[in-house]
Amino acid sequence: MSQKDPCQKQACEIQKCLQANNYMESKCEAALQEMRKCCARFARGRSVCCSGFEREERERENAKVTSKGISPPPQ
């Protein structure tokens, strides 16, 4: 039996918010932030719901490293 995704509740809140606000992400920033916090609490790969947020975080880290003139780590 598989375990429930630890960030599923936050993912559902994002979907509800987006639907209620005609898919305008800017109106759902609080729900998105809660999802980011949840994803940060768990190891990568622990939450399927976090996969897009983990990719976002990797891209942000790579952009930060690249802006400092350092090559990003291989993926």
Protein backbone atom coordinates (compact mmCIF):
# COMPACT_ATOMS: atom_id res chain seq x y z
CA MET A 1 0.00 0.00 0.00
CA SER A 2 1.49 3.34 -1.00
CA GLN A 3 1.71 6.28 1.38
CA LYS A 4 -0.22 9.46 0.79
CA ASP A 5 1.85 12.21 -0.81
CA PRO A 6 2.92 14.56 2.03
CA CYS A 7 2.25 17.69 -0.04
CA GLN A 8 -0.97 16.59 -1.73
CA LYS A 9 -3.10 18.90 0.43
CA GLN A 10 -1.07 21.94 -0.69
CA ALA A 11 -1.21 20.82 -4.33
CA CYS A 12 -5.01 20.59 -4.10
CA GLU A 13 -5.15 24.06 -2.56
CA ILE A 14 -3.19 25.44 -5.52
CA GLN A 15 -5.62 23.81 -7.95
CA LYS A 16 -8.66 25.16 -6.09
CA CYS A 17 -7.14 28.64 -5.99
CA LEU A 18 -6.24 28.61 -9.68
CA GLN A 19 -9.72 27.45 -10.68
CA ALA A 20 -11.36 30.09 -8.50
CA ASN A 21 -9.14 32.83 -9.94
CA ASN A 22 -9.30 32.01 -13.65
CA TYR A 23 -5.80 30.45 -13.54
CA MET A 24 -4.05 33.69 -12.60
CA GLU A 25 -0.97 32.50 -10.69
CA SER A 26 -0.42 35.93 -9.17
CA LYS A 27 -3.66 35.53 -7.19
CA CYS A 28 -2.45 32.23 -5.72
CA GLU A 29 0.98 33.25 -4.48
CA ALA A 30 0.15 32.29 -0.87
CA ALA A 31 -0.86 28.76 -1.91
CA LEU A 32 2.25 28.44 -4.07
CA GLN A 33 4.43 29.57 -1.17
CA GLU A 34 2.85 26.97 1.13
CA MET A 35 3.61 24.31 -1.47
CA ARG A 36 7.25 25.45 -1.68
CA LYS A 37 7.52 25.24 2.12
CA CYS A 38 6.06 21.74 2.13
CA CYS A 39 8.39 20.57 -0.62
CA ALA A 40 11.40 22.00 1.22
CA ARG A 41 10.54 19.84 4.26
CA PHE A 42 10.87 16.55 2.37
CA ALA A 43 13.74 14.87 0.53
CA ARG A 44 13.70 15.14 -3.26
CA GLY A 45 11.55 12.47 -4.80
CA ARG A 46 9.50 11.92 -1.62
CA SER A 47 6.53 13.87 -3.02
CA VAL A 48 5.32 13.39 -6.59
CA CYS A 49 3.43 16.68 -6.21
CA CYS A 50 6.74 18.49 -5.65
CA SER A 51 8.41 17.43 -8.90
CA GLY A 52 7.75 20.75 -10.68
CA PHE A 53 8.78 22.74 -7.63
CA GLU A 54 12.00 20.74 -7.32
CA ARG A 55 12.79 21.47 -10.98
CA GLU A 56 12.04 25.17 -10.35
CA GLU A 57 14.44 25.15 -7.41
CA ARG A 58 17.20 23.45 -9.44
CA GLU A 59 16.77 26.00 -12.23
CA ARG A 60 16.92 28.85 -9.72
CA GLU A 61 20.11 27.42 -8.19
CA ASN A 62 21.67 26.94 -11.63
CA ALA A 63 20.81 30.53 -12.58
CA LYS A 64 22.38 31.78 -9.35
CA VAL A 65 25.57 29.78 -9.95
CA THR A 66 25.75 30.80 -13.61
CA SER A 67 25.33 34.48 -12.75
CA LYS A 68 28.43 34.16 -10.54
CA GLY A 69 30.41 32.77 -13.48
CA ILE A 70 30.60 29.24 -12.14
CA SER A 71 29.51 26.25 -14.20
CA PRO A 72 26.41 24.53 -12.82
CA PRO A 73 26.77 20.93 -11.59
CA PRO A 74 25.83 18.17 -14.05
CA GLN A 75 22.28 16.80 -13.71
